[in-house]
Amino acid sequence: MLEIMFYEWRRAIARKKVIALIAVSLFFEIGVYLALYLVPSKTVRVILIPLYPYMWVVGVLLPQSLLLHFLAISIASGSMSEEYEQGTVDFFLTKPVTRTRFFLEKWLGSFTLLALIYFIMVIMALAFSYSMFGAQYDVGLLPIVVSLVLFSSLVFFNISFSIGEMLRRSSLSFIISSSILIGSLLISDVLVIIGRFTHISEYVGIGEALPSFGATQLPFLYLANTPYSFLVNALDIYPLHSGSILSAILSVLAYSLIPLGLSYFLFINRDVPKRVA
């Protein structure tokens, strides 16, 4: 059991773009804490000192704004598509492996790898926070925040996983999934700005209907009405400042389950070629 899952770990880590994004994410985590710790301006330091006990939130939430979604796309977009390109799907299915098991373990392997990378970033955030800024407050919220971040990452993870299964082309899947992420973020922000200027709530509603809403806002909405609100507003790169936690959860479920169900249906019912040229 789980041989395919561990095989997926090895396959994903071997991709150059996955390695590059992992390195960027880890260096970004280190760079942010060093920048906050070594800030030369006394004025900025005075502002930051009251926030020192909450610095763990920076490393836990900041990757979720964008980097984690790109990492999810880079891992998931090639999970199924590269198997078709290299002809290994046909090899696996000649073994005593059902299509359902192959599909589930491929998905599980990809997502657990994403979660493992994020856990490493969280551990780094805690280590830097305690070593550089002293005792941290409300760390008991960490399991909930981490769970919400991973849950929200399912949106673009499953979208890219599904596109990879549908198109069976890894590069094309990565490009399309990344375009959906960036396009959704930009369009939602533009709609919210228009809605505020025109006082037409429908624009904001359309922005919340896009996949980026639940994917990027859920953890921030959870912490918005806590002592972390100042940090939340600073860390949220694409803030909507609207919607509810329930609507964000429903958005994540809809944009996660529908693509995943579609990709499973296609994999179960379509022919598996020996190799996609």
C-alpha atoms as a PDB file:
ATOM      1  CA  MET A   1       0.000   0.000   0.000  1.00  0.00           C
ATOM      2  CA  LEU A   2       0.949   3.609  -0.684  1.00  0.00           C
ATOM      3  CA  GLU A   3       3.777   2.655  -3.069  1.00  0.00           C
ATOM      4  CA  ILE A   4       2.257   4.933  -5.691  1.00  0.00           C
ATOM      5  CA  MET A   5       2.029   7.792  -3.197  1.00  0.00           C
ATOM      6  CA  PHE A   6       5.757   7.620  -2.376  1.00  0.00           C
ATOM      7  CA  TYR A   7       6.507   7.202  -6.077  1.00  0.00           C
ATOM      8  CA  GLU A   8       4.613  10.464  -6.644  1.00  0.00           C
ATOM      9  CA  TRP A   9       6.786  12.199  -4.043  1.00  0.00           C
ATOM     10  CA  ARG A  10       9.925  11.174  -5.942  1.00  0.00           C
ATOM     11  CA  ARG A  11       8.452  12.202  -9.294  1.00  0.00           C
ATOM     12  CA  ALA A  12       7.292  15.601  -8.064  1.00  0.00           C
ATOM     13  CA  ILE A  13      10.566  16.498  -6.346  1.00  0.00           C
ATOM     14  CA  ALA A  14      12.465  15.586  -9.540  1.00  0.00           C
ATOM     15  CA  ARG A  15      10.700  18.371 -11.487  1.00  0.00           C
ATOM     16  CA  LYS A  16      12.888  21.437 -11.862  1.00  0.00           C
ATOM     17  CA  LYS A  17      10.063  23.953 -11.472  1.00  0.00           C
ATOM     18  CA  VAL A  18       8.946  22.270  -8.241  1.00  0.00           C
ATOM     19  CA  ILE A  19      12.489  22.389  -6.847  1.00  0.00           C
ATOM     20  CA  ALA A  20      12.801  26.044  -7.897  1.00  0.00           C
ATOM     21  CA  LEU A  21       9.516  27.031  -6.228  1.00  0.00           C
ATOM     22  CA  ILE A  22      10.398  25.142  -3.040  1.00  0.00           C
ATOM     23  CA  ALA A  23      13.738  26.975  -2.898  1.00  0.00           C
ATOM     24  CA  VAL A  24      12.085  30.342  -3.561  1.00  0.00           C
ATOM     25  CA  SER A  25       9.471  29.687  -0.861  1.00  0.00           C
ATOM     26  CA  LEU A  26      12.054  28.735   1.764  1.00  0.00           C
ATOM     27  CA  PHE A  27      14.385  31.628   0.921  1.00  0.00           C
ATOM     28  CA  PHE A  28      11.415  33.978   0.968  1.00  0.00           C
ATOM     29  CA  GLU A  29      10.513  32.773   4.451  1.00  0.00           C
ATOM     30  CA  ILE A  30      14.065  33.356   5.667  1.00  0.00           C
ATOM     31  CA  GLY A  31      14.332  36.729   3.924  1.00  0.00           C
ATOM     32  CA  VAL A  32      11.129  38.089   5.444  1.00  0.00           C
ATOM     33  CA  TYR A  33      12.214  37.333   9.013  1.00  0.00           C
ATOM     34  CA  LEU A  34      15.718  38.676   8.484  1.00  0.00           C
ATOM     35  CA  ALA A  35      14.270  41.866   6.999  1.00  0.00           C
ATOM     36  CA  LEU A  36      11.963  42.323   9.988  1.00  0.00           C
ATOM     37  CA  TYR A  37      14.728  41.569  12.484  1.00  0.00           C
ATOM     38  CA  LEU A  38      17.416  43.719  10.867  1.00  0.00           C
ATOM     39  CA  VAL A  39      15.237  46.659   9.878  1.00  0.00           C
ATOM     40  CA  PRO A  40      17.514  49.719  10.184  1.00  0.00           C
ATOM     41  CA  SER A  41      14.840  52.370  10.689  1.00  0.00           C
ATOM     42  CA  LYS A  42      14.220  53.190  14.357  1.00  0.00           C
ATOM     43  CA  THR A  43      10.754  54.490  13.512  1.00  0.00           C
ATOM     44  CA  VAL A  44       9.772  51.208  11.863  1.00  0.00           C
ATOM     45  CA  ARG A  45      11.328  49.247  14.721  1.00  0.00           C
ATOM     46  CA  VAL A  46       9.210  51.171  17.248  1.00  0.00           C
ATOM     47  CA  ILE A  47       6.115  50.235  15.254  1.00  0.00           C
ATOM     48  CA  LEU A  48       7.152  46.580  15.036  1.00  0.00           C
ATOM     49  CA  ILE A  49       8.084  46.032  18.695  1.00  0.00           C
ATOM     50  CA  PRO A  50       4.442  45.659  19.910  1.00  0.00           C
ATOM     51  CA  LEU A  51       3.964  43.078  17.138  1.00  0.00           C
ATOM     52  CA  TYR A  52       6.938  40.907  18.117  1.00  0.00           C
ATOM     53  CA  PRO A  53       4.801  38.411  20.114  1.00  0.00           C
ATOM     54  CA  TYR A  54       2.698  37.766  16.995  1.00  0.00           C
ATOM     55  CA  MET A  55       5.445  37.319  14.419  1.00  0.00           C
ATOM     56  CA  TRP A  56       4.664  33.631  13.988  1.00  0.00           C
ATOM     57  CA  VAL A  57       1.608  34.699  11.993  1.00  0.00           C
ATOM     58  CA  VAL A  58       3.848  36.303   9.355  1.00  0.00           C
ATOM     59  CA  GLY A  59       5.566  33.076   8.349  1.00  0.00           C
ATOM     60  CA  VAL A  60       2.392  31.013   8.587  1.00  0.00           C
ATOM     61  CA  LEU A  61       0.157  33.288   6.498  1.00  0.00           C
ATOM     62  CA  LEU A  62       2.463  35.078   4.076  1.00  0.00           C
ATOM     63  CA  PRO A  63       3.157  32.026   1.831  1.00  0.00           C
ATOM     64  CA  GLN A  64      -0.603  31.470   1.551  1.00  0.00           C
ATOM     65  CA  SER A  65      -1.105  34.764  -0.269  1.00  0.00           C
ATOM     66  CA  LEU A  66       0.497  33.504  -3.483  1.00  0.00           C
ATOM     67  CA  LEU A  67       3.558  31.255  -3.195  1.00  0.00           C
ATOM     68  CA  LEU A  68       1.737  28.251  -1.770  1.00  0.00           C
ATOM     69  CA  HIS A  69      -0.807  28.315  -4.606  1.00  0.00           C
ATOM     70  CA  PHE A  70       1.939  28.403  -7.240  1.00  0.00           C
ATOM     71  CA  LEU A  71       3.663  25.542  -5.465  1.00  0.00           C
ATOM     72  CA  ALA A  72       0.371  23.601  -5.439  1.00  0.00           C
ATOM     73  CA  ILE A  73      -0.046  24.222  -9.172  1.00  0.00           C
ATOM     74  CA  SER A  74       3.525  23.176  -9.979  1.00  0.00           C
ATOM     75  CA  ILE A  75       3.083  19.885  -8.103  1.00  0.00           C
ATOM     76  CA  ALA A  76      -0.463  19.020  -9.172  1.00  0.00           C
ATOM     77  CA  SER A  77      -0.318  20.086 -12.833  1.00  0.00           C
ATOM     78  CA  GLY A  78       2.263  17.433 -13.659  1.00  0.00           C
ATOM     79  CA  SER A  79       0.948  14.680 -11.397  1.00  0.00           C
ATOM     80  CA  MET A  80      -1.250  12.956 -13.982  1.00  0.00           C
ATOM     81  CA  SER A  81      -0.131  14.680 -17.176  1.00  0.00           C
ATOM     82  CA  GLU A  82       3.506  13.582 -16.935  1.00  0.00           C
ATOM     83  CA  GLU A  83       2.393   9.974 -16.553  1.00  0.00           C
ATOM     84  CA  TYR A  84       0.700  10.238 -19.960  1.00  0.00           C
ATOM     85  CA  GLU A  85       3.649  12.031 -21.530  1.00  0.00           C
ATOM     86  CA  GLN A  86       6.070   9.334 -20.374  1.00  0.00           C
ATOM     87  CA  GLY A  87       3.715   6.408 -20.878  1.00  0.00           C
ATOM     88  CA  THR A  88       3.889   5.177 -17.272  1.00  0.00           C
ATOM     89  CA  VAL A  89       0.107   5.121 -16.683  1.00  0.00           C
ATOM     90  CA  ASP A  90      -0.251   2.143 -19.008  1.00  0.00           C
ATOM     91  CA  PHE A  91       2.597   0.392 -17.175  1.00  0.00           C
ATOM     92  CA  PHE A  92       0.965   0.831 -13.757  1.00  0.00           C
ATOM     93  CA  LEU A  93      -2.441  -0.309 -14.953  1.00  0.00           C
ATOM     94  CA  THR A  94      -0.975  -3.583 -16.253  1.00  0.00           C
ATOM     95  CA  LYS A  95      -0.126  -4.359 -12.629  1.00  0.00           C
ATOM     96  CA  PRO A  96      -2.704  -5.395  -9.983  1.00  0.00           C
ATOM     97  CA  VAL A  97      -3.602  -1.723  -9.450  1.00  0.00           C
ATOM     98  CA  THR A  98      -7.122  -0.414  -9.986  1.00  0.00           C
ATOM     99  CA  ARG A  99      -7.701   2.934 -11.650  1.00  0.00           C
ATOM    100  CA  THR A 100      -9.304   4.238  -8.471  1.00  0.00           C
ATOM    101  CA  ARG A 101      -6.295   3.322  -6.330  1.00  0.00           C
ATOM    102  CA  PHE A 102      -3.876   4.813  -8.853  1.00  0.00           C
ATOM    103  CA  PHE A 103      -5.857   8.055  -9.018  1.00  0.00           C
ATOM    104  CA  LEU A 104      -6.281   8.396  -5.244  1.00  0.00           C
ATOM    105  CA  GLU A 105      -2.654   7.643  -4.405  1.00  0.00           C
ATOM    106  CA  LYS A 106      -1.416  10.047  -7.076  1.00  0.00           C
ATOM    107  CA  TRP A 107      -3.624  12.774  -5.605  1.00  0.00           C
ATOM    108  CA  LEU A 108      -2.678  11.870  -2.033  1.00  0.00           C
ATOM    109  CA  GLY A 109       1.025  11.794  -2.864  1.00  0.00           C
ATOM    110  CA  SER A 110       0.898  15.232  -4.481  1.00  0.00           C
ATOM    111  CA  PHE A 111      -1.112  16.861  -1.705  1.00  0.00           C
ATOM    112  CA  THR A 112       0.840  15.326   1.188  1.00  0.00           C
ATOM    113  CA  LEU A 113       4.030  16.584  -0.443  1.00  0.00           C
ATOM    114  CA  LEU A 114       2.544  20.088  -0.609  1.00  0.00           C
ATOM    115  CA  ALA A 115       1.485  19.805   3.041  1.00  0.00           C
ATOM    116  CA  LEU A 116       4.953  18.576   4.072  1.00  0.00           C
ATOM    117  CA  ILE A 117       6.630  21.554   2.388  1.00  0.00           C
ATOM    118  CA  TYR A 118       4.219  23.927   4.093  1.00  0.00           C
ATOM    119  CA  PHE A 119       4.830  22.249   7.473  1.00  0.00           C
ATOM    120  CA  ILE A 120       8.559  22.887   7.008  1.00  0.00           C
ATOM    121  CA  MET A 121       7.790  26.557   6.365  1.00  0.00           C
ATOM    122  CA  VAL A 122       5.638  26.692   9.503  1.00  0.00           C
ATOM    123  CA  ILE A 123       8.421  25.116  11.597  1.00  0.00           C
ATOM    124  CA  MET A 124      10.849  27.677  10.191  1.00  0.00           C
ATOM    125  CA  ALA A 125       8.398  30.474  11.041  1.00  0.00           C
ATOM    126  CA  LEU A 126       8.134  29.299  14.642  1.00  0.00           C
ATOM    127  CA  ALA A 127      11.896  28.878  14.979  1.00  0.00           C
ATOM    128  CA  PHE A 128      12.633  32.362  13.609  1.00  0.00           C
ATOM    129  CA  SER A 129       9.830  33.959  15.617  1.00  0.00           C
ATOM    130  CA  TYR A 130      10.969  32.581  18.965  1.00  0.00           C
ATOM    131  CA  SER A 131      14.705  33.044  18.317  1.00  0.00           C
ATOM    132  CA  MET A 132      14.476  36.585  16.896  1.00  0.00           C
ATOM    133  CA  PHE A 133      11.441  38.115  18.593  1.00  0.00           C
ATOM    134  CA  GLY A 134      11.053  36.246  21.871  1.00  0.00           C
ATOM    135  CA  ALA A 135       7.979  34.577  23.332  1.00  0.00           C
ATOM    136  CA  GLN A 136       5.007  34.251  20.998  1.00  0.00           C
ATOM    137  CA  TYR A 137       1.348  34.671  21.978  1.00  0.00           C
ATOM    138  CA  ASP A 138      -1.729  32.652  20.982  1.00  0.00           C
ATOM    139  CA  VAL A 139       0.287  29.905  19.309  1.00  0.00           C
ATOM    140  CA  GLY A 140      -2.644  27.667  20.226  1.00  0.00           C
ATOM    141  CA  LEU A 141      -4.367  29.059  17.135  1.00  0.00           C
ATOM    142  CA  LEU A 142      -1.660  27.544  14.948  1.00  0.00           C
ATOM    143  CA  PRO A 143      -3.379  24.173  14.208  1.00  0.00           C
ATOM    144  CA  ILE A 144      -6.568  25.921  13.082  1.00  0.00           C
ATOM    145  CA  VAL A 145      -4.723  28.448  10.917  1.00  0.00           C
ATOM    146  CA  VAL A 146      -2.524  25.762   9.322  1.00  0.00           C
ATOM    147  CA  SER A 147      -5.586  23.596   8.640  1.00  0.00           C
ATOM    148  CA  LEU A 148      -7.395  26.517   6.985  1.00  0.00           C
ATOM    149  CA  VAL A 149      -4.369  27.340   4.837  1.00  0.00           C
ATOM    150  CA  LEU A 150      -4.053  23.749   3.612  1.00  0.00           C
ATOM    151  CA  PHE A 151      -7.811  23.484   3.094  1.00  0.00           C
ATOM    152  CA  SER A 152      -7.861  26.673   1.014  1.00  0.00           C
ATOM    153  CA  SER A 153      -4.887  25.473  -1.058  1.00  0.00           C
ATOM    154  CA  LEU A 154      -7.109  22.660  -2.377  1.00  0.00           C
ATOM    155  CA  VAL A 155      -8.777  25.070  -4.821  1.00  0.00           C
ATOM    156  CA  PHE A 156      -5.930  25.621  -7.264  1.00  0.00           C
ATOM    157  CA  PHE A 157      -4.345  22.290  -6.393  1.00  0.00           C
ATOM    158  CA  ASN A 158      -7.438  20.417  -7.605  1.00  0.00           C
ATOM    159  CA  ILE A 159      -8.016  22.776 -10.538  1.00  0.00           C
ATOM    160  CA  SER A 160      -4.491  22.151 -11.840  1.00  0.00           C
ATOM    161  CA  PHE A 161      -4.714  18.416 -11.059  1.00  0.00           C
ATOM    162  CA  SER A 162      -7.933  18.251 -13.087  1.00  0.00           C
ATOM    163  CA  ILE A 163      -6.551  20.267 -16.000  1.00  0.00           C
ATOM    164  CA  GLY A 164      -3.532  17.965 -16.076  1.00  0.00           C
ATOM    165  CA  GLU A 165      -5.829  14.951 -16.389  1.00  0.00           C
ATOM    166  CA  MET A 166      -8.017  16.593 -19.030  1.00  0.00           C
ATOM    167  CA  LEU A 167      -5.251  17.948 -21.271  1.00  0.00           C
ATOM    168  CA  ARG A 168      -2.558  15.376 -20.506  1.00  0.00           C
ATOM    169  CA  ARG A 169       0.106  18.037 -21.107  1.00  0.00           C
ATOM    170  CA  SER A 170       2.134  19.167 -18.088  1.00  0.00           C
ATOM    171  CA  SER A 171       3.456  22.489 -19.419  1.00  0.00           C
ATOM    172  CA  LEU A 172       0.092  23.529 -20.812  1.00  0.00           C
ATOM    173  CA  SER A 173      -1.627  22.537 -17.572  1.00  0.00           C
ATOM    174  CA  PHE A 174       0.801  24.631 -15.537  1.00  0.00           C
ATOM    175  CA  ILE A 175       0.341  27.682 -17.772  1.00  0.00           C
ATOM    176  CA  ILE A 176      -3.463  27.483 -17.798  1.00  0.00           C
ATOM    177  CA  SER A 177      -3.727  26.876 -14.045  1.00  0.00           C
ATOM    178  CA  SER A 178      -1.346  29.749 -13.272  1.00  0.00           C
ATOM    179  CA  SER A 179      -3.319  32.011 -15.613  1.00  0.00           C
ATOM    180  CA  ILE A 180      -6.554  31.114 -13.804  1.00  0.00           C
ATOM    181  CA  LEU A 181      -4.915  31.955 -10.459  1.00  0.00           C
ATOM    182  CA  ILE A 182      -3.509  35.317 -11.537  1.00  0.00           C
ATOM    183  CA  GLY A 183      -6.559  36.237 -13.609  1.00  0.00           C
ATOM    184  CA  SER A 184      -8.940  35.401 -10.790  1.00  0.00           C
ATOM    185  CA  LEU A 185      -6.930  37.462  -8.283  1.00  0.00           C
ATOM    186  CA  LEU A 186      -6.702  40.505 -10.537  1.00  0.00           C
ATOM    187  CA  ILE A 187     -10.321  40.404 -11.684  1.00  0.00           C
ATOM    188  CA  SER A 188     -11.656  40.018  -8.139  1.00  0.00           C
ATOM    189  CA  ASP A 189      -9.645  43.027  -6.930  1.00  0.00           C
ATOM    190  CA  VAL A 190     -10.809  45.156  -9.877  1.00  0.00           C
ATOM    191  CA  LEU A 191     -14.434  44.176  -9.259  1.00  0.00           C
ATOM    192  CA  VAL A 192     -14.180  45.053  -5.568  1.00  0.00           C
ATOM    193  CA  ILE A 193     -12.665  48.460  -6.379  1.00  0.00           C
ATOM    194  CA  ILE A 194     -15.417  49.146  -8.924  1.00  0.00           C
ATOM    195  CA  GLY A 195     -18.055  48.014  -6.428  1.00  0.00           C
ATOM    196  CA  ARG A 196     -16.764  50.397  -3.765  1.00  0.00           C
ATOM    197  CA  PHE A 197     -16.629  53.377  -6.116  1.00  0.00           C
ATOM    198  CA  THR A 198     -20.040  52.722  -7.630  1.00  0.00           C
ATOM    199  CA  HIS A 199     -21.630  51.364  -4.431  1.00  0.00           C
ATOM    200  CA  ILE A 200     -22.988  48.444  -6.451  1.00  0.00           C
ATOM    201  CA  SER A 201     -22.715  45.332  -4.291  1.00  0.00           C
ATOM    202  CA  GLU A 202     -23.127  42.996  -7.274  1.00  0.00           C
ATOM    203  CA  TYR A 203     -19.538  43.669  -8.323  1.00  0.00           C
ATOM    204  CA  VAL A 204     -18.263  42.510  -4.946  1.00  0.00           C
ATOM    205  CA  GLY A 205     -20.536  39.475  -5.173  1.00  0.00           C
ATOM    206  CA  ILE A 206     -19.053  38.523  -8.538  1.00  0.00           C
ATOM    207  CA  GLY A 207     -15.559  38.903  -7.059  1.00  0.00           C
ATOM    208  CA  GLU A 208     -16.477  36.516  -4.259  1.00  0.00           C
ATOM    209  CA  ALA A 209     -17.785  34.008  -6.823  1.00  0.00           C
ATOM    210  CA  LEU A 210     -14.318  33.596  -8.345  1.00  0.00           C
ATOM    211  CA  PRO A 211     -12.060  30.733  -7.175  1.00  0.00           C
ATOM    212  CA  SER A 212      -9.503  33.081  -5.657  1.00  0.00           C
ATOM    213  CA  PHE A 213     -11.948  34.238  -2.963  1.00  0.00           C
ATOM    214  CA  GLY A 214     -11.997  31.123  -0.803  1.00  0.00           C
ATOM    215  CA  ALA A 215      -8.471  30.122  -1.828  1.00  0.00           C
ATOM    216  CA  THR A 216      -6.838  33.333  -0.617  1.00  0.00           C
ATOM    217  CA  GLN A 217      -9.259  34.798   1.925  1.00  0.00           C
ATOM    218  CA  LEU A 218     -10.345  31.963   4.229  1.00  0.00           C
ATOM    219  CA  PRO A 219      -7.426  32.059   6.742  1.00  0.00           C
ATOM    220  CA  PHE A 220      -7.456  35.863   6.739  1.00  0.00           C
ATOM    221  CA  LEU A 221     -11.198  36.027   7.381  1.00  0.00           C
ATOM    222  CA  TYR A 222     -10.732  33.727  10.382  1.00  0.00           C
ATOM    223  CA  LEU A 223      -8.143  36.071  11.938  1.00  0.00           C
ATOM    224  CA  ALA A 224      -9.711  39.356  10.793  1.00  0.00           C
ATOM    225  CA  ASN A 225     -11.571  39.997  14.058  1.00  0.00           C
ATOM    226  CA  THR A 226      -8.739  39.025  16.388  1.00  0.00           C
ATOM    227  CA  PRO A 227      -5.765  40.973  17.800  1.00  0.00           C
ATOM    228  CA  TYR A 228      -3.998  39.907  14.597  1.00  0.00           C
ATOM    229  CA  SER A 229      -6.190  42.148  12.412  1.00  0.00           C
ATOM    230  CA  PHE A 230      -3.372  44.640  11.795  1.00  0.00           C
ATOM    231  CA  LEU A 231      -0.980  41.900  10.682  1.00  0.00           C
ATOM    232  CA  VAL A 232      -3.738  40.232   8.651  1.00  0.00           C
ATOM    233  CA  ASN A 233      -4.374  43.411   6.670  1.00  0.00           C
ATOM    234  CA  ALA A 234      -0.646  43.839   6.087  1.00  0.00           C
ATOM    235  CA  LEU A 235      -0.087  40.249   4.955  1.00  0.00           C
ATOM    236  CA  ASP A 236      -3.156  39.894   2.727  1.00  0.00           C
ATOM    237  CA  ILE A 237      -1.730  40.841  -0.664  1.00  0.00           C
ATOM    238  CA  TYR A 238      -5.084  40.612  -2.455  1.00  0.00           C
ATOM    239  CA  PRO A 239      -7.617  41.705   0.172  1.00  0.00           C
ATOM    240  CA  LEU A 240     -11.349  41.625  -0.509  1.00  0.00           C
ATOM    241  CA  HIS A 241     -12.292  42.692   3.033  1.00  0.00           C
ATOM    242  CA  SER A 242     -15.731  41.204   2.487  1.00  0.00           C
ATOM    243  CA  GLY A 243     -17.547  37.908   2.647  1.00  0.00           C
ATOM    244  CA  SER A 244     -17.931  35.467   5.493  1.00  0.00           C
ATOM    245  CA  ILE A 245     -16.042  32.405   6.662  1.00  0.00           C
ATOM    246  CA  LEU A 246     -18.971  30.206   5.622  1.00  0.00           C
ATOM    247  CA  SER A 247     -19.058  31.616   2.083  1.00  0.00           C
ATOM    248  CA  ALA A 248     -15.285  31.135   1.810  1.00  0.00           C
ATOM    249  CA  ILE A 249     -15.575  27.502   2.951  1.00  0.00           C
ATOM    250  CA  LEU A 250     -18.364  26.855   0.442  1.00  0.00           C
ATOM    251  CA  SER A 251     -16.254  28.448  -2.290  1.00  0.00           C
ATOM    252  CA  VAL A 252     -13.312  26.179  -1.465  1.00  0.00           C
ATOM    253  CA  LEU A 253     -15.535  23.097  -1.448  1.00  0.00           C
ATOM    254  CA  ALA A 254     -17.163  23.951  -4.777  1.00  0.00           C
ATOM    255  CA  TYR A 255     -13.950  24.803  -6.619  1.00  0.00           C
ATOM    256  CA  SER A 256     -12.157  21.794  -5.122  1.00  0.00           C
ATOM    257  CA  LEU A 257     -14.687  18.982  -5.384  1.00  0.00           C
ATOM    258  CA  ILE A 258     -16.073  19.746  -8.843  1.00  0.00           C
ATOM    259  CA  PRO A 259     -12.684  19.677 -10.649  1.00  0.00           C
ATOM    260  CA  LEU A 260     -11.558  16.646  -8.638  1.00  0.00           C
ATOM    261  CA  GLY A 261     -14.777  14.757  -9.415  1.00  0.00           C
ATOM    262  CA  LEU A 262     -14.510  15.639 -13.091  1.00  0.00           C
ATOM    263  CA  SER A 263     -10.910  14.468 -13.325  1.00  0.00           C
ATOM    264  CA  TYR A 264     -11.785  11.186 -11.584  1.00  0.00           C
ATOM    265  CA  PHE A 265     -14.702  10.606 -13.959  1.00  0.00           C
ATOM    266  CA  LEU A 266     -12.472  11.220 -16.984  1.00  0.00           C
ATOM    267  CA  PHE A 267      -9.700   8.971 -15.715  1.00  0.00           C
ATOM    268  CA  ILE A 268     -12.083   6.117 -14.989  1.00  0.00           C
ATOM    269  CA  ASN A 269     -13.873   6.313 -18.338  1.00  0.00           C
ATOM    270  CA  ARG A 270     -11.292   7.455 -20.909  1.00  0.00           C
ATOM    271  CA  ASP A 271      -8.842   5.269 -22.738  1.00  0.00           C
ATOM    272  CA  VAL A 272      -5.284   5.316 -21.439  1.00  0.00           C
ATOM    273  CA  PRO A 273      -2.745   5.681 -24.284  1.00  0.00           C
ATOM    274  CA  LYS A 274       0.666   4.087 -24.068  1.00  0.00           C
ATOM    275  CA  ARG A 275       2.221   7.504 -24.478  1.00  0.00           C
ATOM    276  CA  VAL A 276       1.081  11.041 -25.341  1.00  0.00           C
ATOM    277  CA  ALA A 277       3.297  12.593 -27.971  1.00  0.00           C
END
